[in-house]
Amino acid sequence: MSFIEDLRVQIRGYLQREQTRINAEVGQYPAPIAGCDQQFNHLLAQRAAIKDELARLAVLENNISPAGDVIRAMAEFIRTSTGLDAETRTVLLSRLQACAENRQPS
């Protein structure tokens, strides 16, 4: 399962970098007018979404399942993640597909 662990680490790293980027943007943002600044509110929503994604990933990491179940769960996480951009999702799903195909008996 080292491939799955590597994939989880890669996803966690991506989400944490996004979290750091968003937190920096929020920290440097000029004082907004409460409820009137759509960009600031969008940043706050992104920050909350990334936090939720990291929590979902932690649950997935702590769930011990057979290899096939883990691969399916990771694929579902990647497909439904709002914290991963489309290109990253495509690359990760492709890598996961290759892993799943290599695990199937010939």
Protein backbone atom coordinates (compact mmCIF):
# COMPACT_ATOMS: atom_id res chain seq x y z
CA MET A 1 0.00 0.00 0.00
CA SER A 2 2.97 2.35 -0.22
CA PHE A 3 1.58 3.77 -3.47
CA ILE A 4 -1.65 4.71 -1.69
CA GLU A 5 0.32 6.25 1.16
CA ASP A 6 2.40 8.24 -1.33
CA LEU A 7 -0.78 9.41 -3.03
CA ARG A 8 -2.29 10.49 0.29
CA VAL A 9 0.88 12.40 1.13
CA GLN A 10 0.78 14.10 -2.27
CA ILE A 11 -2.89 15.07 -1.85
CA ARG A 12 -2.34 16.26 1.72
CA GLY A 13 0.66 18.33 0.59
CA TYR A 14 -1.33 19.89 -2.25
CA LEU A 15 -4.22 20.76 0.08
CA GLN A 16 -1.87 22.13 2.73
CA ARG A 17 -0.12 24.34 0.15
CA GLU A 18 -3.52 25.63 -0.95
CA GLN A 19 -4.43 26.25 2.68
CA THR A 20 -1.20 28.19 3.22
CA ARG A 21 -1.78 30.23 0.04
CA ILE A 22 -5.36 31.08 1.01
CA ASN A 23 -4.40 31.94 4.60
CA ALA A 24 -1.70 34.27 3.27
CA GLU A 25 -4.22 35.96 0.95
CA VAL A 26 -6.70 36.37 3.81
CA GLY A 27 -3.94 37.74 6.05
CA GLN A 28 -2.87 40.32 3.46
CA TYR A 29 -6.37 41.30 2.44
CA PRO A 30 -7.35 44.91 3.19
CA ALA A 31 -9.98 45.32 5.87
CA PRO A 32 -13.26 44.31 4.20
CA ILE A 33 -16.65 45.82 4.75
CA ALA A 34 -18.49 43.03 6.55
CA GLY A 35 -20.82 41.13 4.23
CA CYS A 36 -20.04 43.35 1.24
CA ASP A 37 -16.73 42.05 -0.03
CA GLN A 38 -17.38 39.07 -2.29
CA GLN A 39 -13.71 38.26 -2.91
CA PHE A 40 -12.97 38.16 0.82
CA ASN A 41 -16.03 36.00 1.46
CA HIS A 42 -14.89 33.70 -1.36
CA LEU A 43 -11.45 33.36 0.26
CA LEU A 44 -13.09 32.49 3.59
CA ALA A 45 -15.26 29.87 1.87
CA GLN A 46 -12.18 28.40 0.15
CA ARG A 47 -10.34 28.29 3.46
CA ALA A 48 -13.24 26.42 5.10
CA ALA A 49 -13.47 24.01 2.15
CA ILE A 50 -9.76 23.17 2.33
CA LYS A 51 -10.05 22.56 6.07
CA ASP A 52 -12.97 20.20 5.40
CA GLU A 53 -11.01 18.40 2.67
CA LEU A 54 -8.07 17.85 5.01
CA ALA A 55 -10.45 16.46 7.64
CA ARG A 56 -12.02 14.12 5.04
CA LEU A 57 -8.57 12.94 4.02
CA ALA A 58 -7.65 12.28 7.66
CA VAL A 59 -10.75 10.10 8.06
CA LEU A 60 -9.78 8.21 4.91
CA GLU A 61 -6.22 7.76 6.19
CA ASN A 62 -7.48 6.30 9.47
CA ASN A 63 -9.87 3.88 7.78
CA ILE A 64 -8.22 0.48 7.44
CA SER A 65 -9.77 -1.35 4.49
CA PRO A 66 -8.83 -3.98 1.94
CA ALA A 67 -6.69 -2.66 -0.94
CA GLY A 68 -9.58 -2.51 -3.42
CA ASP A 69 -11.75 -0.57 -0.99
CA VAL A 70 -8.95 1.90 -0.31
CA ILE A 71 -8.42 2.46 -4.03
CA ARG A 72 -12.16 3.04 -4.56
CA ALA A 73 -12.30 5.38 -1.56
CA MET A 74 -9.29 7.35 -2.80
CA ALA A 75 -10.81 7.61 -6.29
CA GLU A 76 -14.05 8.92 -4.80
CA PHE A 77 -12.16 11.42 -2.64
CA ILE A 78 -10.21 12.70 -5.64
CA ARG A 79 -13.31 12.93 -7.87
CA THR A 80 -15.33 14.84 -5.26
CA SER A 81 -12.59 17.02 -3.81
CA THR A 82 -13.29 20.72 -4.14
CA GLY A 83 -9.75 21.50 -3.03
CA LEU A 84 -8.03 19.86 -5.99
CA ASP A 85 -8.00 21.61 -9.35
CA ALA A 86 -9.18 19.74 -12.46
CA GLU A 87 -5.67 19.05 -13.78
CA THR A 88 -4.50 17.65 -10.45
CA ARG A 89 -7.63 15.46 -10.19
CA THR A 90 -6.99 14.08 -13.68
CA VAL A 91 -3.34 13.27 -12.93
CA LEU A 92 -4.14 11.65 -9.58
CA LEU A 93 -7.01 9.58 -10.99
CA SER A 94 -4.78 8.41 -13.83
CA ARG A 95 -2.09 7.31 -11.36
CA LEU A 96 -4.68 5.57 -9.20
CA GLN A 97 -6.14 3.78 -12.23
CA ALA A 98 -2.68 2.53 -13.18
CA CYS A 99 -2.16 1.26 -9.64
CA ALA A 100 -5.52 -0.54 -9.65
CA GLU A 101 -4.76 -2.18 -13.00
CA ASN A 102 -1.36 -3.37 -11.74
CA ARG A 103 -3.03 -4.97 -8.70
CA GLN A 104 -5.56 -7.02 -10.69
CA PRO A 105 -4.57 -10.59 -11.46
CA SER A 106 -3.85 -11.28 -15.14
